[in-house]
Amino acid sequence: MKQGSYGALLFCADGTFFSAPTYPLEEVIDPTGAGDAFAGGLLGYLSTIEPQQHGRYSIDEIKRGVVHGNIIGSFVCEDFSISRLRTLTMDDIAERYQCLVMFSHFDPHWRPGQIQTVGVKQF
């Protein structure tokens, strides 16, 4: 599900979901076409991946496709029409992908007893 400037959500048949953030831009010139670029980025990424034996893509590959869609959509917002896509390189995409990974990962080993809770209501 495309959510514009909020990113995209992927809902899976098993009830799990994945939330992919947008790439934070300092300046948005024109968001026209970003949704179409998202679809192109998602499908373009999946076209480079071999489906599994039963003809389906793994959930992890679809998640990567959603992130690629967000990245391509972000490049479109940097200029009018498809002007920014004309100068886009695979290195640009890879750099932005790594930035999104860095921005959206955090320590999964939260230990509530080891944080200071000044002014925070305990439940």
Protein backbone atom coordinates (compact mmCIF):
# COMPACT_ATOMS: atom_id res chain seq x y z
CA MET A 1 0.00 0.00 0.00
CA LYS A 2 1.60 3.28 -1.11
CA GLN A 3 1.37 6.04 1.50
CA GLY A 4 3.02 8.93 -0.30
CA SER A 5 5.37 10.86 1.96
CA TYR A 6 4.78 8.31 4.73
CA GLY A 7 6.35 5.42 2.83
CA ALA A 8 4.70 2.11 2.02
CA LEU A 9 3.15 -0.82 3.85
CA LEU A 10 3.27 -4.44 2.79
CA PHE A 11 0.62 -6.78 4.18
CA CYS A 12 1.31 -10.50 3.88
CA ALA A 13 -1.15 -13.37 3.65
CA ASP A 14 0.11 -14.81 6.95
CA GLY A 15 -0.90 -11.64 8.81
CA THR A 16 2.55 -10.09 9.05
CA PHE A 17 3.29 -6.64 7.71
CA PHE A 18 6.28 -4.52 6.76
CA SER A 19 6.56 -0.75 6.98
CA ALA A 20 9.10 0.89 4.68
CA PRO A 21 9.94 4.54 5.33
CA THR A 22 10.44 7.14 2.66
CA TYR A 23 13.89 8.53 2.06
CA PRO A 24 14.05 11.91 3.85
CA LEU A 25 14.66 14.65 1.31
CA GLU A 26 15.87 18.12 2.21
CA GLU A 27 13.79 19.60 -0.59
CA VAL A 28 10.90 18.23 -2.62
CA ILE A 29 10.67 19.89 -6.02
CA ASP A 30 7.72 17.97 -7.51
CA PRO A 31 6.16 14.75 -6.19
CA THR A 32 4.16 14.19 -9.38
CA GLY A 33 4.85 10.68 -10.63
CA ALA A 34 6.48 9.42 -7.43
CA GLY A 35 3.80 6.74 -7.01
CA ASP A 36 4.33 5.48 -10.54
CA ALA A 37 8.09 5.55 -9.95
CA PHE A 38 7.51 3.52 -6.76
CA ALA A 39 5.70 0.86 -8.79
CA GLY A 40 8.48 0.89 -11.39
CA GLY A 41 11.16 0.56 -8.72
CA LEU A 42 9.35 -2.31 -7.01
CA LEU A 43 8.72 -4.23 -10.22
CA GLY A 44 12.12 -3.33 -11.65
CA TYR A 45 13.82 -4.78 -8.60
CA LEU A 46 11.73 -7.96 -8.69
CA SER A 47 12.58 -8.39 -12.38
CA THR A 48 16.23 -8.88 -11.36
CA ILE A 49 15.37 -11.66 -8.88
CA GLU A 50 14.72 -15.30 -9.73
CA PRO A 51 11.40 -16.41 -8.19
CA GLN A 52 11.44 -19.40 -5.89
CA GLN A 53 10.69 -22.87 -7.22
CA HIS A 54 6.92 -22.46 -6.91
CA GLY A 55 7.04 -19.23 -8.95
CA ARG A 56 6.69 -16.82 -6.03
CA TYR A 57 9.08 -14.30 -4.57
CA SER A 58 10.25 -14.58 -0.98
CA ILE A 59 8.83 -12.07 1.48
CA ASP A 60 12.33 -10.67 2.02
CA GLU A 61 12.73 -10.01 -1.71
CA ILE A 62 9.34 -8.29 -1.84
CA LYS A 63 10.36 -6.15 1.14
CA ARG A 64 13.55 -5.15 -0.69
CA GLY A 65 11.42 -4.35 -3.72
CA VAL A 66 9.20 -2.06 -1.64
CA VAL A 67 12.29 -0.24 -0.35
CA HIS A 68 13.61 0.12 -3.91
CA GLY A 69 10.25 1.52 -4.93
CA ASN A 70 10.47 4.14 -2.19
CA ILE A 71 14.00 5.02 -3.26
CA ILE A 72 13.09 5.50 -6.93
CA GLY A 73 10.05 7.55 -5.89
CA SER A 74 12.31 9.79 -3.81
CA PHE A 75 14.56 10.52 -6.79
CA VAL A 76 11.55 11.57 -8.88
CA CYS A 77 10.62 14.14 -6.20
CA GLU A 78 13.98 15.89 -6.59
CA ASP A 79 13.13 17.46 -9.96
CA PHE A 80 10.29 18.00 -12.41
CA SER A 81 8.99 15.10 -14.48
CA ILE A 82 11.59 12.36 -14.98
CA SER A 83 14.57 14.70 -15.21
CA ARG A 84 16.32 13.24 -12.14
CA LEU A 85 15.89 9.69 -13.44
CA ARG A 86 17.86 10.57 -16.57
CA THR A 87 21.03 11.06 -14.50
CA LEU A 88 20.39 8.31 -11.95
CA THR A 89 23.03 5.62 -11.52
CA MET A 90 23.00 2.26 -9.76
CA ASP A 91 25.52 3.74 -7.31
CA ASP A 92 22.99 6.47 -6.42
CA ILE A 93 20.38 3.81 -5.70
CA ALA A 94 22.79 1.66 -3.68
CA GLU A 95 23.90 4.64 -1.59
CA ARG A 96 20.34 5.65 -0.80
CA TYR A 97 19.44 2.02 0.02
CA GLN A 98 22.30 1.84 2.53
CA CYS A 99 21.25 5.16 4.06
CA LEU A 100 17.68 3.90 4.51
CA VAL A 101 19.00 0.75 6.17
CA MET A 102 21.11 2.88 8.52
CA PHE A 103 18.25 5.30 9.26
CA SER A 104 15.71 2.61 10.03
CA HIS A 105 17.69 0.07 12.06
CA PHE A 106 17.97 0.27 15.80
CA ASP A 107 19.08 -1.96 18.64
CA PRO A 108 16.51 -4.77 18.97
CA HIS A 109 17.79 -5.68 22.45
CA TRP A 110 15.84 -3.16 24.49
CA ARG A 111 16.19 -3.70 28.23
CA PRO A 112 13.61 -1.61 30.10
CA GLY A 113 15.39 -1.98 33.43
CA GLN A 114 18.54 -0.33 32.06
CA ILE A 115 17.13 2.96 30.86
CA GLN A 116 16.55 6.10 32.84
CA THR A 117 12.83 6.79 33.16
CA VAL A 118 12.79 10.29 34.60
CA GLY A 119 9.37 11.77 33.95
CA VAL A 120 8.16 8.67 32.12
CA LYS A 121 5.04 7.02 33.44
CA GLN A 122 5.53 3.30 34.15
CA PHE A 123 2.78 0.95 33.01
